[in-house]
């Protein structure tokens, strides 16, 4: 009997990636619009990616099982 496949959550596969060590990587928020009032230093910091907190990482890994 073949193993049952899990469906990948479509929104999550667009937003999250896994690192080589298995940590969940995400991009920072507040970088999409109303950028004129934000300083250049702040916008430059928002370009960088960051890791998801440990408390949410297990949940997100279930949503993207094949990444």
PDB file of N, CA and C in Angstrom:
ATOM      1  N   UNK A   1       0.843  -1.180   0.000  1.00  0.00           N
ATOM      2  CA  UNK A   1       0.000   0.000   0.000  1.00  0.00           C
ATOM      3  C   UNK A   1       0.896   1.253   0.000  1.00  0.00           C
ATOM      4  N   UNK A   2       0.683   2.198  -0.921  1.00  0.00           N
ATOM      5  CA  UNK A   2       1.544   3.386  -0.977  1.00  0.00           C
ATOM      6  C   UNK A   2       1.257   4.350   0.178  1.00  0.00           C
ATOM      7  N   UNK A   3       2.284   5.095   0.522  1.00  0.00           N
ATOM      8  CA  UNK A   3       2.159   6.090   1.590  1.00  0.00           C
ATOM      9  C   UNK A   3       1.247   7.228   1.133  1.00  0.00           C
ATOM     10  N   UNK A   4       0.426   7.734   2.043  1.00  0.00           N
ATOM     11  CA  UNK A   4      -0.468   8.839   1.705  1.00  0.00           C
ATOM     12  C   UNK A   4       0.344  10.126   1.612  1.00  0.00           C
ATOM     13  N   UNK A   5       0.129  10.872   0.545  1.00  0.00           N
ATOM     14  CA  UNK A   5       0.862  12.119   0.354  1.00  0.00           C
ATOM     15  C   UNK A   5       0.136  13.260   1.066  1.00  0.00           C
ATOM     16  N   UNK A   6       0.912  14.190   1.605  1.00  0.00           N
ATOM     17  CA  UNK A   6       0.360  15.361   2.289  1.00  0.00           C
ATOM     18  C   UNK A   6       0.335  16.521   1.296  1.00  0.00           C
ATOM     19  N   UNK A   7      -0.761  17.267   1.299  1.00  0.00           N
ATOM     20  CA  UNK A   7      -0.827  18.442   0.433  1.00  0.00           C
ATOM     21  C   UNK A   7      -0.019  19.580   1.034  1.00  0.00           C
ATOM     22  N   UNK A   8       0.739  20.258   0.177  1.00  0.00           N
ATOM     23  CA  UNK A   8       1.515  21.415   0.591  1.00  0.00           C
ATOM     24  C   UNK A   8       0.602  22.628   0.640  1.00  0.00           C
ATOM     25  N   UNK A   9       0.757  23.440   1.670  1.00  0.00           N
ATOM     26  CA  UNK A   9      -0.028  24.667   1.816  1.00  0.00           C
ATOM     27  C   UNK A   9       0.511  25.706   0.828  1.00  0.00           C
ATOM     28  N   UNK A  10      -0.332  26.151  -0.102  1.00  0.00           N
ATOM     29  CA  UNK A  10       0.111  27.005  -1.209  1.00  0.00           C
ATOM     30  C   UNK A  10       0.709  28.330  -0.754  1.00  0.00           C
ATOM     31  N   UNK A  11       0.100  28.972   0.220  1.00  0.00           N
ATOM     32  CA  UNK A  11       0.629  30.257   0.692  1.00  0.00           C
ATOM     33  C   UNK A  11       1.972  30.076   1.395  1.00  0.00           C
ATOM     34  N   UNK A  12       2.111  28.982   2.130  1.00  0.00           N
ATOM     35  CA  UNK A  12       3.344  28.744   2.878  1.00  0.00           C
ATOM     36  C   UNK A  12       4.523  28.434   1.960  1.00  0.00           C
ATOM     37  N   UNK A  13       4.270  27.723   0.879  1.00  0.00           N
ATOM     38  CA  UNK A  13       5.393  27.381  -0.010  1.00  0.00           C
ATOM     39  C   UNK A  13       5.949  28.618  -0.712  1.00  0.00           C
ATOM     40  N   UNK A  14       5.142  29.676  -0.825  1.00  0.00           N
ATOM     41  CA  UNK A  14       5.614  30.921  -1.419  1.00  0.00           C
ATOM     42  C   UNK A  14       6.368  31.782  -0.418  1.00  0.00           C
ATOM     43  N   UNK A  15       6.098  31.610   0.869  1.00  0.00           N
ATOM     44  CA  UNK A  15       6.644  32.499   1.893  1.00  0.00           C
ATOM     45  C   UNK A  15       7.839  31.945   2.652  1.00  0.00           C
ATOM     46  N   UNK A  16       7.962  30.632   2.732  1.00  0.00           N
ATOM     47  CA  UNK A  16       8.999  30.039   3.575  1.00  0.00           C
ATOM     48  C   UNK A  16       9.913  29.111   2.784  1.00  0.00           C
ATOM     49  N   UNK A  17      11.160  29.030   3.237  1.00  0.00           N
ATOM     50  CA  UNK A  17      12.135  28.088   2.700  1.00  0.00           C
ATOM     51  C   UNK A  17      12.846  27.426   3.874  1.00  0.00           C
ATOM     52  N   UNK A  18      13.469  26.292   3.611  1.00  0.00           N
ATOM     53  CA  UNK A  18      14.251  25.616   4.641  1.00  0.00           C
ATOM     54  C   UNK A  18      15.736  25.817   4.364  1.00  0.00           C
ATOM     55  N   UNK A  19      16.500  25.986   5.421  1.00  0.00           N
ATOM     56  CA  UNK A  19      17.944  26.080   5.278  1.00  0.00           C
ATOM     57  C   UNK A  19      18.514  24.660   5.197  1.00  0.00           C
ATOM     58  N   UNK A  20      19.795  24.547   4.939  1.00  0.00           N
ATOM     59  CA  UNK A  20      20.438  23.231   4.844  1.00  0.00           C
ATOM     60  C   UNK A  20      20.373  22.475   6.165  1.00  0.00           C
ATOM     61  N   UNK A  21      20.368  23.207   7.277  1.00  0.00           N
ATOM     62  CA  UNK A  21      20.306  22.564   8.589  1.00  0.00           C
ATOM     63  C   UNK A  21      18.877  22.309   9.055  1.00  0.00           C
ATOM     64  N   UNK A  22      17.885  22.683   8.233  1.00  0.00           N
ATOM     65  CA  UNK A  22      16.493  22.386   8.560  1.00  0.00           C
ATOM     66  C   UNK A  22      15.741  23.495   9.264  1.00  0.00           C
ATOM     67  N   UNK A  23      16.346  24.667   9.396  1.00  0.00           N
ATOM     68  CA  UNK A  23      15.643  25.799  10.002  1.00  0.00           C
ATOM     69  C   UNK A  23      14.740  26.453   8.963  1.00  0.00           C
ATOM     70  N   UNK A  24      13.701  27.135   9.419  1.00  0.00           N
ATOM     71  CA  UNK A  24      12.745  27.762   8.505  1.00  0.00           C
ATOM     72  C   UNK A  24      13.131  29.223   8.314  1.00  0.00           C
ATOM     73  N   UNK A  25      13.289  29.619   7.049  1.00  0.00           N
ATOM     74  CA  UNK A  25      13.703  30.967   6.699  1.00  0.00           C
ATOM     75  C   UNK A  25      12.499  31.746   6.175  1.00  0.00           C
ATOM     76  N   UNK A  26      12.421  33.027   6.508  1.00  0.00           N
ATOM     77  CA  UNK A  26      11.332  33.882   6.038  1.00  0.00           C
ATOM     78  C   UNK A  26      11.873  35.263   5.704  1.00  0.00           C
ATOM     79  N   UNK A  27      11.094  36.023   4.936  1.00  0.00           N
ATOM     80  CA  UNK A  27      11.468  37.406   4.662  1.00  0.00           C
ATOM     81  C   UNK A  27      10.776  38.307   5.670  1.00  0.00           C
ATOM     82  N   UNK A  28      11.297  39.490   5.835  1.00  0.00           N
ATOM     83  CA  UNK A  28      10.748  40.415   6.823  1.00  0.00           C
ATOM     84  C   UNK A  28       9.525  41.144   6.284  1.00  0.00           C
ATOM     85  N   UNK A  29       8.679  41.575   7.192  1.00  0.00           N
ATOM     86  CA  UNK A  29       7.445  42.274   6.832  1.00  0.00           C
ATOM     87  C   UNK A  29       7.699  43.775   6.683  1.00  0.00           C
ATOM     88  N   UNK A  30       6.668  44.507   6.242  1.00  0.00           N
ATOM     89  CA  UNK A  30       6.668  45.976   6.128  1.00  0.00           C
ATOM     90  C   UNK A  30       7.580  46.508   5.029  1.00  0.00           C
ATOM     91  N   UNK A  31       7.766  45.762   3.956  1.00  0.00           N
ATOM     92  CA  UNK A  31       8.634  46.209   2.870  1.00  0.00           C
ATOM     93  C   UNK A  31       7.865  46.374   1.556  1.00  0.00           C
ATOM     94  N   UNK A  32       6.532  46.265   1.583  1.00  0.00           N
ATOM     95  CA  UNK A  32       5.789  46.236   0.326  1.00  0.00           C
ATOM     96  C   UNK A  32       5.245  47.590  -0.123  1.00  0.00           C
ATOM     97  N   UNK A  33       4.805  48.435   0.795  1.00  0.00           N
ATOM     98  CA  UNK A  33       4.243  49.734   0.400  1.00  0.00           C
ATOM     99  C   UNK A  33       4.423  50.751   1.516  1.00  0.00           C
ATOM    100  N   UNK A  34       4.075  52.007   1.223  1.00  0.00           N
ATOM    101  CA  UNK A  34       4.302  53.153   2.111  1.00  0.00           C
ATOM    102  C   UNK A  34       5.782  53.213   2.524  1.00  0.00           C
ATOM    103  N   UNK A  35       6.633  53.259   1.526  1.00  0.00           N
ATOM    104  CA  UNK A  35       8.068  53.229   1.779  1.00  0.00           C
ATOM    105  C   UNK A  35       8.674  54.623   1.903  1.00  0.00           C
ATOM    106  N   UNK A  36       7.910  55.670   1.542  1.00  0.00           N
ATOM    107  CA  UNK A  36       8.477  57.022   1.554  1.00  0.00           C
ATOM    108  C   UNK A  36       8.764  57.509   2.965  1.00  0.00           C
ATOM    109  N   UNK A  37       7.959  57.136   3.928  1.00  0.00           N
ATOM    110  CA  UNK A  37       8.171  57.602   5.304  1.00  0.00           C
ATOM    111  C   UNK A  37       9.171  56.752   6.075  1.00  0.00           C
ATOM    112  N   UNK A  38       9.585  55.629   5.511  1.00  0.00           N
ATOM    113  CA  UNK A  38      10.564  54.768   6.177  1.00  0.00           C
ATOM    114  C   UNK A  38      11.971  55.192   5.766  1.00  0.00           C
ATOM    115  N   UNK A  39      12.881  55.173   6.713  1.00  0.00           N
ATOM    116  CA  UNK A  39      14.248  55.600   6.425  1.00  0.00           C
ATOM    117  C   UNK A  39      14.961  54.569   5.554  1.00  0.00           C
ATOM    118  N   UNK A  40      15.998  55.038   4.886  1.00  0.00           N
ATOM    119  CA  UNK A  40      16.790  54.151   4.026  1.00  0.00           C
ATOM    120  C   UNK A  40      17.428  53.039   4.836  1.00  0.00           C
ATOM    121  N   UNK A  41      17.892  53.373   6.036  1.00  0.00           N
ATOM    122  CA  UNK A  41      18.515  52.389   6.904  1.00  0.00           C
ATOM    123  C   UNK A  41      17.514  51.293   7.293  1.00  0.00           C
ATOM    124  N   UNK A  42      16.277  51.704   7.576  1.00  0.00           N
ATOM    125  CA  UNK A  42      15.236  50.748   7.954  1.00  0.00           C
ATOM    126  C   UNK A  42      14.880  49.833   6.781  1.00  0.00           C
ATOM    127  N   UNK A  43      14.746  50.409   5.581  1.00  0.00           N
ATOM    128  CA  UNK A  43      14.404  49.614   4.391  1.00  0.00           C
ATOM    129  C   UNK A  43      15.520  48.649   4.024  1.00  0.00           C
ATOM    130  N   UNK A  44      16.755  49.074   4.231  1.00  0.00           N
ATOM    131  CA  UNK A  44      17.903  48.214   3.949  1.00  0.00           C
ATOM    132  C   UNK A  44      17.915  47.016   4.895  1.00  0.00           C
ATOM    133  N   UNK A  45      17.546  47.228   6.130  1.00  0.00           N
ATOM    134  CA  UNK A  45      17.465  46.144   7.098  1.00  0.00           C
ATOM    135  C   UNK A  45      16.352  45.163   6.791  1.00  0.00           C
ATOM    136  N   UNK A  46      15.280  45.655   6.184  1.00  0.00           N
ATOM    137  CA  UNK A  46      14.143  44.792   5.854  1.00  0.00           C
ATOM    138  C   UNK A  46      14.419  43.884   4.658  1.00  0.00           C
ATOM    139  N   UNK A  47      15.468  44.178   3.899  1.00  0.00           N
ATOM    140  CA  UNK A  47      15.817  43.330   2.749  1.00  0.00           C
ATOM    141  C   UNK A  47      16.304  41.947   3.179  1.00  0.00           C
ATOM    142  N   UNK A  48      16.942  41.901   4.308  1.00  0.00           N
ATOM    143  CA  UNK A  48      17.556  40.653   4.768  1.00  0.00           C
ATOM    144  C   UNK A  48      16.490  39.648   5.202  1.00  0.00           C
ATOM    145  N   UNK A  49      16.806  38.388   5.041  1.00  0.00           N
ATOM    146  CA  UNK A  49      15.894  37.345   5.507  1.00  0.00           C
ATOM    147  C   UNK A  49      16.249  37.000   6.951  1.00  0.00           C
ATOM    148  N   UNK A  50      15.311  36.362   7.623  1.00  0.00           N
ATOM    149  CA  UNK A  50      15.516  35.974   9.011  1.00  0.00           C
ATOM    150  C   UNK A  50      14.907  34.604   9.244  1.00  0.00           C
ATOM    151  N   UNK A  51      15.102  34.062  10.415  1.00  0.00           N
ATOM    152  CA  UNK A  51      14.592  32.735  10.736  1.00  0.00           C
ATOM    153  C   UNK A  51      13.283  32.835  11.507  1.00  0.00           C
ATOM    154  N   UNK A  52      12.427  31.860  11.309  1.00  0.00           N
ATOM    155  CA  UNK A  52      11.164  31.774  12.036  1.00  0.00           C
ATOM    156  C   UNK A  52      11.479  31.350  13.470  1.00  0.00           C
ATOM    157  N   UNK A  53      10.704  31.842  14.413  1.00  0.00           N
ATOM    158  CA  UNK A  53      10.900  31.500  15.820  1.00  0.00           C
ATOM    159  C   UNK A  53      10.651  30.006  16.042  1.00  0.00           C
ATOM    160  N   UNK A  54      11.328  29.440  17.013  1.00  0.00           N
ATOM    161  CA  UNK A  54      11.252  28.004  17.302  1.00  0.00           C
ATOM    162  C   UNK A  54       9.827  27.527  17.583  1.00  0.00           C
ATOM    163  N   UNK A  55       9.027  28.385  18.196  1.00  0.00           N
ATOM    164  CA  UNK A  55       7.669  27.992  18.563  1.00  0.00           C
ATOM    165  C   UNK A  55       6.768  27.784  17.350  1.00  0.00           C
ATOM    166  N   UNK A  56       7.101  28.405  16.219  1.00  0.00           N
ATOM    167  CA  UNK A  56       6.280  28.280  15.019  1.00  0.00           C
ATOM    168  C   UNK A  56       6.907  27.414  13.940  1.00  0.00           C
ATOM    169  N   UNK A  57       8.173  27.084  14.087  1.00  0.00           N
ATOM    170  CA  UNK A  57       8.902  26.356  13.050  1.00  0.00           C
ATOM    171  C   UNK A  57       8.309  24.970  12.782  1.00  0.00           C
ATOM    172  N   UNK A  58       7.918  24.256  13.822  1.00  0.00           N
ATOM    173  CA  UNK A  58       7.373  22.905  13.651  1.00  0.00           C
ATOM    174  C   UNK A  58       6.057  22.938  12.873  1.00  0.00           C
ATOM    175  N   UNK A  59       5.227  23.927  13.140  1.00  0.00           N
ATOM    176  CA  UNK A  59       3.950  24.066  12.436  1.00  0.00           C
ATOM    177  C   UNK A  59       4.176  24.343  10.966  1.00  0.00           C
ATOM    178  N   UNK A  60       5.119  25.216  10.646  1.00  0.00           N
ATOM    179  CA  UNK A  60       5.396  25.581   9.257  1.00  0.00           C
ATOM    180  C   UNK A  60       6.006  24.407   8.502  1.00  0.00           C
ATOM    181  N   UNK A  61       6.828  23.612   9.181  1.00  0.00           N
ATOM    182  CA  UNK A  61       7.418  22.438   8.526  1.00  0.00           C
ATOM    183  C   UNK A  61       6.355  21.428   8.108  1.00  0.00           C
ATOM    184  N   UNK A  62       5.262  21.351   8.859  1.00  0.00           N
ATOM    185  CA  UNK A  62       4.158  20.464   8.470  1.00  0.00           C
ATOM    186  C   UNK A  62       3.434  20.991   7.239  1.00  0.00           C
ATOM    187  N   UNK A  63       3.423  22.314   7.070  1.00  0.00           N
ATOM    188  CA  UNK A  63       2.735  22.918   5.931  1.00  0.00           C
ATOM    189  C   UNK A  63       3.548  22.780   4.644  1.00  0.00           C
ATOM    190  N   UNK A  64       4.867  22.670   4.753  1.00  0.00           N
ATOM    191  CA  UNK A  64       5.729  22.523   3.564  1.00  0.00           C
ATOM    192  C   UNK A  64       6.553  21.239   3.690  1.00  0.00           C
ATOM    193  N   UNK A  65       5.925  20.081   3.577  1.00  0.00           N
ATOM    194  CA  UNK A  65       6.623  18.821   3.846  1.00  0.00           C
ATOM    195  C   UNK A  65       7.669  18.433   2.795  1.00  0.00           C
ATOM    196  N   UNK A  66       7.566  18.935   1.580  1.00  0.00           N
ATOM    197  CA  UNK A  66       8.473  18.474   0.507  1.00  0.00           C
ATOM    198  C   UNK A  66       9.487  19.512   0.095  1.00  0.00           C
ATOM    199  N   UNK A  67       9.696  20.564   0.888  1.00  0.00           N
ATOM    200  CA  UNK A  67      10.694  21.585   0.553  1.00  0.00           C
ATOM    201  C   UNK A  67      12.029  21.220   1.124  1.00  0.00           C
TER     202      UNK A  67
END
